[in-house]
């Protein structure tokens, strides 16, 4: 028995809710076909689109292109198959057939379908923008300038926001019948209230343009904003993301980045090291002169320090004779800096030991009550806090 005989037998022509069994079966077959082959069709379409723009990117980017676009294309294609399937059942209705008096379920289903189509198309566009941004990111990594490194993510996010806004306006106009032109014109009346409500967002947006024009810092720079120190990882149109020295991820509004004093540590030519050498009070002046001279000579001759280093017998402290050590290391890398500082510290300890001097630690002197027949004798013991006793 062929399909014609089966159809003529009568049961396939049985109608249910205004449609025959055969029409329901065809609808189910189209949906099943679309569900099974949507991934295959998505790969074919993405490959075709990729080849159409092959002059803008290389074949090496094809896996990334498919990874970004296959999922939204699958959703969009399934919606197309859904449309074709329900065309057999006289669905979906044309927009002109949708009237105010129609049942709620009919209106709800039709508008829901339209919303999903617009969302799927927007999703495809957003993923395509992500891919274009990825291509430009690969290109900017090969250039010496850091400006393009931060412009690419900024304009990528800015373009995505514009696409979402347009998609929302199209949805209001085509799905819900809102007069978009009148709505946009009406915004002029309530523009002041909207601007006031979005004051922070507008300030951050203007601050982002200030950052790009003035360029006080770029992506990859080590900056200090107030008490926050870290490496700038991304400059967006609303905020700047900073990776701190503790490896935490901090998001700072762009307005704060330009309102607060900002120290771009990357632009320094040297890193400074400053500390004191605390020697005991029984260290002689001759020992201090020799220690100061040898430390100064070592710092001046070190290949990673400049000639602005200063080693001076600076003060007479409460518990020690203090020698100030100040020098600059020609590196911007933190790990390199602390390695060089450790090397110099070891040498300073060696110089102090070679001259027979000792490092001081806080002490206090206590005078005992004089007893009969015994002179008053001072006793020293370590001191770890509080005020001096005389």
Protein backbone atom coordinates (compact mmCIF):
# COMPACT_ATOMS: atom_id res chain seq x y z
CA UNK A 1 0.00 0.00 0.00
CA UNK A 2 1.49 3.34 -1.09
CA UNK A 3 1.00 6.75 0.53
CA UNK A 4 -1.83 7.65 -1.88
CA UNK A 5 -3.80 4.54 -0.94
CA UNK A 6 -3.09 5.20 2.73
CA UNK A 7 -4.34 8.77 2.39
CA UNK A 8 -7.41 7.70 0.44
CA UNK A 9 -8.26 5.16 3.12
CA UNK A 10 -9.79 8.01 5.04
CA UNK A 11 -8.15 8.17 8.47
CA UNK A 12 -5.41 10.57 7.34
CA UNK A 13 -8.11 12.94 6.19
CA UNK A 14 -9.74 12.94 9.59
CA UNK A 15 -9.78 16.54 10.85
CA UNK A 16 -8.94 17.69 14.34
CA UNK A 17 -9.12 21.36 15.34
CA UNK A 18 -9.55 22.35 11.71
CA UNK A 19 -6.56 20.37 10.34
CA UNK A 20 -6.27 16.83 9.01
CA UNK A 21 -4.08 14.10 10.51
CA UNK A 22 -1.91 14.25 7.38
CA UNK A 23 -1.23 17.95 7.95
CA UNK A 24 -0.24 17.27 11.56
CA UNK A 25 2.12 14.52 10.43
CA UNK A 26 3.74 16.80 7.84
CA UNK A 27 4.15 19.49 10.50
CA UNK A 28 5.79 17.01 12.88
CA UNK A 29 8.06 15.75 10.08
CA UNK A 30 9.25 19.28 9.26
CA UNK A 31 9.92 20.01 12.94
CA UNK A 32 11.80 16.72 13.36
CA UNK A 33 13.82 17.37 10.21
CA UNK A 34 14.72 20.88 11.41
CA UNK A 35 15.67 19.65 14.88
CA UNK A 36 17.96 16.91 13.51
CA UNK A 37 19.67 18.91 10.76
CA UNK A 38 19.79 22.41 12.30
CA UNK A 39 23.42 21.92 13.39
CA UNK A 40 24.47 20.72 9.92
CA UNK A 41 22.73 23.64 8.23
CA UNK A 42 24.29 26.04 10.76
CA UNK A 43 27.77 24.80 9.87
CA UNK A 44 27.05 25.12 6.15
CA UNK A 45 25.68 28.66 6.50
CA UNK A 46 28.50 29.79 8.81
CA UNK A 47 31.07 28.36 6.39
CA UNK A 48 29.42 30.18 3.47
CA UNK A 49 29.29 33.50 5.33
CA UNK A 50 32.89 33.03 6.44
CA UNK A 51 34.07 32.48 2.86
CA UNK A 52 32.18 35.55 1.66
CA UNK A 53 34.28 37.65 4.05
CA UNK A 54 37.48 35.63 3.71
CA UNK A 55 39.41 38.67 2.46
CA UNK A 56 39.01 40.26 5.89
CA UNK A 57 40.22 37.28 7.94
CA UNK A 58 42.29 34.11 7.53
CA UNK A 59 41.24 30.45 7.45
CA UNK A 60 42.72 30.01 10.92
CA UNK A 61 39.76 31.94 12.37
CA UNK A 62 37.10 29.56 11.00
CA UNK A 63 36.85 27.42 14.19
CA UNK A 64 36.31 30.57 16.28
CA UNK A 65 33.72 31.84 13.79
CA UNK A 66 31.74 28.60 13.96
CA UNK A 67 32.05 28.39 17.73
CA UNK A 68 30.48 31.82 18.10
CA UNK A 69 27.75 31.58 15.43
CA UNK A 70 26.58 27.96 15.37
CA UNK A 71 24.45 28.15 18.53
CA UNK A 72 22.48 31.32 17.60
CA UNK A 73 22.17 30.08 13.99
CA UNK A 74 20.69 26.81 15.26
CA UNK A 75 18.01 28.75 17.17
CA UNK A 76 17.27 30.96 14.16
CA UNK A 77 17.05 28.00 11.76
CA UNK A 78 14.76 26.08 14.10
CA UNK A 79 12.45 29.12 14.17
CA UNK A 80 12.45 29.06 10.36
CA UNK A 81 11.50 25.38 10.34
CA UNK A 82 8.86 26.13 12.95
CA UNK A 83 7.41 28.75 10.62
CA UNK A 84 7.42 26.32 7.68
CA UNK A 85 5.85 23.60 9.80
CA UNK A 86 2.98 25.74 11.00
CA UNK A 87 2.42 27.08 7.51
CA UNK A 88 0.96 23.65 6.82
CA UNK A 89 -1.52 24.28 9.64
CA UNK A 90 -2.19 27.76 8.35
CA UNK A 91 0.16 29.25 10.97
CA UNK A 92 1.63 31.68 11.70
CA UNK A 93 -0.89 34.31 10.65
CA UNK A 94 0.07 37.29 8.59
CA UNK A 95 0.43 40.49 10.64
CA UNK A 96 -2.52 41.98 8.75
CA UNK A 97 -4.69 39.10 9.97
CA UNK A 98 -4.01 39.93 13.63
CA UNK A 99 -6.86 42.10 14.87
CA UNK A 100 -7.78 43.58 18.21
CA UNK A 101 -10.69 41.22 18.63
CA UNK A 102 -8.63 38.06 18.15
CA UNK A 103 -8.37 35.56 21.02
CA UNK A 104 -5.62 36.16 23.54
CA UNK A 105 -3.89 32.82 22.83
CA UNK A 106 -3.69 33.57 19.11
CA UNK A 107 -2.21 37.04 19.72
CA UNK A 108 0.18 35.78 22.40
CA UNK A 109 1.58 32.96 20.25
CA UNK A 110 2.09 35.18 17.22
CA UNK A 111 3.83 37.95 19.13
CA UNK A 112 5.93 35.50 21.08
CA UNK A 113 7.16 34.00 17.82
CA UNK A 114 8.05 37.46 16.50
CA UNK A 115 9.95 38.28 19.69
CA UNK A 116 11.96 35.05 19.43
CA UNK A 117 12.84 35.77 15.78
CA UNK A 118 14.08 39.28 16.62
CA UNK A 119 16.04 37.99 19.63
CA UNK A 120 17.64 35.24 17.53
CA UNK A 121 18.64 37.69 14.78
CA UNK A 122 20.07 40.05 17.39
CA UNK A 123 21.97 37.17 18.96
CA UNK A 124 23.52 36.31 15.57
CA UNK A 125 24.55 39.94 15.04
CA UNK A 126 26.08 40.19 18.52
CA UNK A 127 28.09 37.00 18.00
CA UNK A 128 29.25 38.29 14.60
CA UNK A 129 30.40 41.52 16.28
CA UNK A 130 32.28 39.43 18.85
CA UNK A 131 34.05 37.61 16.02
CA UNK A 132 34.99 40.84 14.22
CA UNK A 133 36.32 42.18 17.52
CA UNK A 134 38.32 38.97 17.95
CA UNK A 135 39.87 39.37 14.48
CA UNK A 136 40.87 42.96 15.20
CA UNK A 137 42.25 41.90 18.60
CA UNK A 138 44.56 39.40 16.88
CA UNK A 139 45.74 42.17 14.57
CA UNK A 140 46.33 44.69 17.35
CA UNK A 141 48.48 42.18 19.23
CA UNK A 142 50.98 42.39 16.38
CA UNK A 143 51.32 46.19 16.62
CA UNK A 144 53.54 48.11 19.04
CA UNK A 145 50.84 50.65 19.95
CA UNK A 146 48.63 49.96 22.96
CA UNK A 147 45.95 52.44 21.89
CA UNK A 148 44.35 50.03 19.42
CA UNK A 149 44.35 47.33 22.13
CA UNK A 150 41.85 49.35 24.16
CA UNK A 151 39.93 50.86 21.24
CA UNK A 152 38.85 47.46 19.90
CA UNK A 153 36.96 46.26 23.03
CA UNK A 154 35.52 49.75 23.54
CA UNK A 155 34.01 50.02 20.06
CA UNK A 156 32.96 46.37 20.12
CA UNK A 157 30.90 46.95 23.28
CA UNK A 158 29.62 50.28 21.94
CA UNK A 159 28.43 48.64 18.69
CA UNK A 160 26.71 45.85 20.61
CA UNK A 161 24.82 48.37 22.71
CA UNK A 162 23.64 50.19 19.55
CA UNK A 163 22.47 46.88 18.01
CA UNK A 164 20.53 45.96 21.16
CA UNK A 165 18.87 49.39 21.27
CA UNK A 166 17.82 49.17 17.61
CA UNK A 167 16.54 45.61 18.11
CA UNK A 168 14.48 46.76 21.07
CA UNK A 169 12.98 49.63 19.07
CA UNK A 170 12.18 47.29 16.17
CA UNK A 171 10.51 44.91 18.60
CA UNK A 172 8.39 47.71 20.04
CA UNK A 173 7.32 48.86 16.58
CA UNK A 174 6.77 45.59 14.72
CA UNK A 175 5.57 43.33 17.54
CA UNK A 176 3.67 45.60 19.89
CA UNK A 177 2.65 48.30 17.43
CA UNK A 178 4.30 51.15 19.32
CA UNK A 179 4.83 54.38 17.39
CA UNK A 180 8.61 54.43 17.66
CA UNK A 181 8.95 57.82 15.94
CA UNK A 182 6.52 59.39 18.38
CA UNK A 183 8.26 57.64 21.26
CA UNK A 184 11.67 59.00 20.26
CA UNK A 185 10.19 62.48 19.77
CA UNK A 186 8.49 62.23 23.15
CA UNK A 187 11.82 61.54 24.78
CA UNK A 188 12.67 65.18 24.16
CA UNK A 189 9.96 66.15 26.65
CA UNK A 190 11.15 63.78 29.32
CA UNK A 191 14.79 64.01 28.31
CA UNK A 192 15.72 66.04 31.35
CA UNK A 193 14.26 63.45 33.72
CA UNK A 194 15.91 60.60 31.84
CA UNK A 195 19.26 62.41 31.78
CA UNK A 196 18.99 63.00 35.52
CA UNK A 197 18.15 59.35 36.15
CA UNK A 198 21.03 58.22 33.95
CA UNK A 199 23.42 60.84 35.32
CA UNK A 200 26.02 58.34 36.53
CA UNK A 201 25.96 56.35 33.30
CA UNK A 202 26.36 59.49 31.18
CA UNK A 203 29.23 60.70 33.35
CA UNK A 204 30.99 57.35 32.99
CA UNK A 205 30.43 57.40 29.22
CA UNK A 206 31.88 60.90 28.89
CA UNK A 207 34.76 59.88 31.15
CA UNK A 208 35.55 56.97 28.83
CA UNK A 209 35.90 59.38 25.90
CA UNK A 210 38.15 61.56 28.06
CA UNK A 211 40.36 58.55 28.77
CA UNK A 212 40.67 57.71 25.08
CA UNK A 213 41.42 61.30 24.08
CA UNK A 214 43.75 62.26 26.93
CA UNK A 215 45.26 58.76 27.33
CA UNK A 216 46.38 59.00 30.96
CA UNK A 217 46.76 55.22 30.89
CA UNK A 218 46.30 52.29 28.51
CA UNK A 219 45.48 48.62 28.76
CA UNK A 220 48.41 46.83 30.34
CA UNK A 221 49.61 49.81 32.41
CA UNK A 222 50.27 49.53 36.14
CA UNK A 223 48.32 52.35 37.81
CA UNK A 224 47.48 53.58 41.29
CA UNK A 225 44.08 55.19 41.87
CA UNK A 226 43.69 56.23 45.49
CA UNK A 227 44.66 53.16 47.51
CA UNK A 228 44.10 50.79 44.58
CA UNK A 229 47.14 49.51 42.67
CA UNK A 230 46.88 47.12 39.74
CA UNK A 231 47.23 46.44 36.03
CA UNK A 232 44.58 47.79 33.66
CA UNK A 233 43.09 44.84 31.79
CA UNK A 234 40.18 46.47 29.96
CA UNK A 235 38.80 49.96 29.41
CA UNK A 236 35.06 49.87 28.69
CA UNK A 237 32.60 52.62 27.92
CA UNK A 238 31.32 52.55 31.51
CA UNK A 239 34.12 51.15 33.68
CA UNK A 240 37.77 50.11 33.79
CA UNK A 241 38.77 46.66 34.99
CA UNK A 242 41.95 46.38 37.04
CA UNK A 243 43.84 43.28 38.17
CA UNK A 244 45.33 44.15 41.58
CA UNK A 245 48.65 42.96 42.99
CA UNK A 246 46.63 40.50 45.11
CA UNK A 247 45.27 39.08 41.79
CA UNK A 248 41.72 40.23 42.55
CA UNK A 249 39.60 41.75 39.78
CA UNK A 250 38.28 45.24 40.51
CA UNK A 251 35.82 47.19 38.33
CA UNK A 252 36.20 50.95 38.71
CA UNK A 253 33.74 53.44 37.14
CA UNK A 254 35.49 55.59 34.56
CA UNK A 255 34.37 58.75 36.36
CA UNK A 256 36.48 57.78 39.37
CA UNK A 257 39.45 57.03 37.10
CA UNK A 258 39.60 60.68 35.99
CA UNK A 259 38.31 62.38 39.15
CA UNK A 260 40.88 60.89 41.52
CA UNK A 261 44.64 61.52 41.29
CA UNK A 262 46.00 58.73 39.08
CA UNK A 263 49.62 57.61 39.16
CA UNK A 264 50.66 55.69 36.05
CA UNK A 265 53.43 53.58 37.54
CA UNK A 266 54.31 52.11 34.14
CA UNK A 267 55.55 55.51 32.94
CA UNK A 268 58.18 55.62 35.66
CA UNK A 269 61.72 55.20 34.42
CA UNK A 270 62.87 53.54 37.67
CA UNK A 271 61.49 51.91 40.80
CA UNK A 272 62.56 53.47 44.09
CA UNK A 273 63.81 51.62 47.16
CA UNK A 274 64.20 53.48 50.44
CA UNK A 275 64.91 52.18 53.96
CA UNK A 276 67.17 52.71 56.98
CA UNK A 277 70.08 50.67 58.33
CA UNK A 278 69.75 50.68 62.13
CA UNK A 279 73.10 50.20 63.90
CA UNK A 280 73.69 49.88 67.64
CA UNK A 281 74.89 52.91 69.60
CA UNK A 282 78.27 51.30 70.29
CA UNK A 283 79.07 51.54 66.56
CA UNK A 284 81.96 53.96 66.14
CA UNK A 285 81.97 56.91 63.76
CA UNK A 286 84.79 55.30 61.79
CA UNK A 287 82.70 52.15 61.28
CA UNK A 288 79.75 54.24 60.15
CA UNK A 289 81.93 56.14 57.64
CA UNK A 290 83.27 52.92 56.16
CA UNK A 291 79.84 51.25 56.02
CA UNK A 292 78.30 54.32 54.38
CA UNK A 293 81.15 54.56 51.88
CA UNK A 294 81.08 50.87 50.92
CA UNK A 295 77.29 50.72 50.56
CA UNK A 296 77.31 53.89 48.43
CA UNK A 297 80.07 52.50 46.24
CA UNK A 298 78.26 49.17 45.78
CA UNK A 299 74.97 50.84 44.81
CA UNK A 300 76.70 53.24 42.40
CA UNK A 301 78.50 50.37 40.66
CA UNK A 302 75.50 48.03 40.53
CA UNK A 303 74.50 47.46 36.87
CA UNK A 304 70.76 47.80 37.58
CA UNK A 305 70.78 51.04 39.61
CA UNK A 306 71.28 54.61 38.42
CA UNK A 307 73.62 57.23 39.89
CA UNK A 308 70.96 58.96 41.97
CA UNK A 309 71.43 56.59 44.90
CA UNK A 310 72.09 58.19 48.27
CA UNK A 311 73.56 56.55 51.40
CA UNK A 312 73.82 58.97 54.32
CA UNK A 313 74.22 58.83 58.09
CA UNK A 314 70.88 60.52 58.58
CA UNK A 315 69.80 60.48 62.21
CA UNK A 316 70.34 59.39 65.78
CA UNK A 317 67.28 57.37 66.64
CA UNK A 318 65.88 56.40 70.01
CA UNK A 319 67.54 53.00 69.86
CA UNK A 320 69.98 53.16 66.96
CA UNK A 321 72.22 55.15 64.68
CA UNK A 322 70.36 55.29 61.39
CA UNK A 323 71.88 55.23 57.89
CA UNK A 324 69.45 56.10 55.10
CA UNK A 325 69.68 54.03 51.89
CA UNK A 326 67.95 55.37 48.77
CA UNK A 327 68.40 54.04 45.24
CA UNK A 328 66.48 53.45 41.99
CA UNK A 329 66.26 50.21 40.01
CA UNK A 330 65.82 50.38 36.22
CA UNK A 331 62.94 47.93 35.91
CA UNK A 332 59.16 48.08 35.77
CA UNK A 333 58.68 44.41 36.60
CA UNK A 334 57.80 43.82 40.25
CA UNK A 335 59.44 40.39 40.47
CA UNK A 336 62.64 41.71 38.93
CA UNK A 337 62.63 44.64 41.36
CA UNK A 338 62.34 42.52 44.51
CA UNK A 339 65.06 40.15 43.26
CA UNK A 340 67.49 43.06 42.80
CA UNK A 341 66.47 44.54 46.15
CA UNK A 342 67.17 41.19 47.84
CA UNK A 343 70.60 41.04 46.21
CA UNK A 344 71.48 44.54 47.48
CA UNK A 345 70.16 43.74 50.96
CA UNK A 346 72.41 40.69 51.23
CA UNK A 347 75.39 42.82 50.25
CA UNK A 348 74.51 45.49 52.84
CA UNK A 349 74.33 42.83 55.58
CA UNK A 350 77.71 41.51 54.46
CA UNK A 351 79.26 45.01 54.54
CA UNK A 352 77.95 45.67 58.06
CA UNK A 353 79.26 42.33 59.32
CA UNK A 354 82.68 42.85 57.68
CA UNK A 355 83.14 46.12 59.57
CA UNK A 356 82.30 44.53 62.90
CA UNK A 357 79.08 46.47 63.43
CA UNK A 358 75.76 45.10 64.65
CA UNK A 359 72.16 45.82 63.75
CA UNK A 360 70.14 47.47 66.49
CA UNK A 361 66.80 46.44 67.85
CA UNK A 362 64.56 48.43 70.19
CA UNK A 363 65.85 48.31 73.81
CA UNK A 364 65.11 50.12 77.04
CA UNK A 365 67.32 50.91 80.03
CA UNK A 366 65.94 50.39 83.55
CA UNK A 367 67.59 51.96 86.60
CA UNK A 368 67.20 49.88 89.78
CA UNK A 369 66.58 51.45 93.20
CA UNK A 370 69.95 52.01 94.98
CA UNK A 371 70.43 49.73 97.95
CA UNK A 372 72.68 50.27 100.96
CA UNK A 373 76.33 49.76 100.12
CA UNK A 374 75.64 49.11 96.47
CA UNK A 375 75.89 51.55 93.59
CA UNK A 376 72.98 52.18 91.26
CA UNK A 377 73.41 49.98 88.14
CA UNK A 378 71.48 50.14 84.89
CA UNK A 379 70.04 47.00 83.35
CA UNK A 380 69.22 46.69 79.66
CA UNK A 381 66.66 44.36 78.15
CA UNK A 382 64.95 44.10 74.79
CA UNK A 383 62.09 46.49 74.22
CA UNK A 384 59.26 45.64 71.89
CA UNK A 385 56.88 48.56 72.21
CA UNK A 386 55.62 51.43 74.32
CA UNK A 387 57.50 54.60 75.24
CA UNK A 388 61.13 54.94 76.35
CA UNK A 389 61.93 54.86 80.05
CA UNK A 390 64.83 56.96 81.29
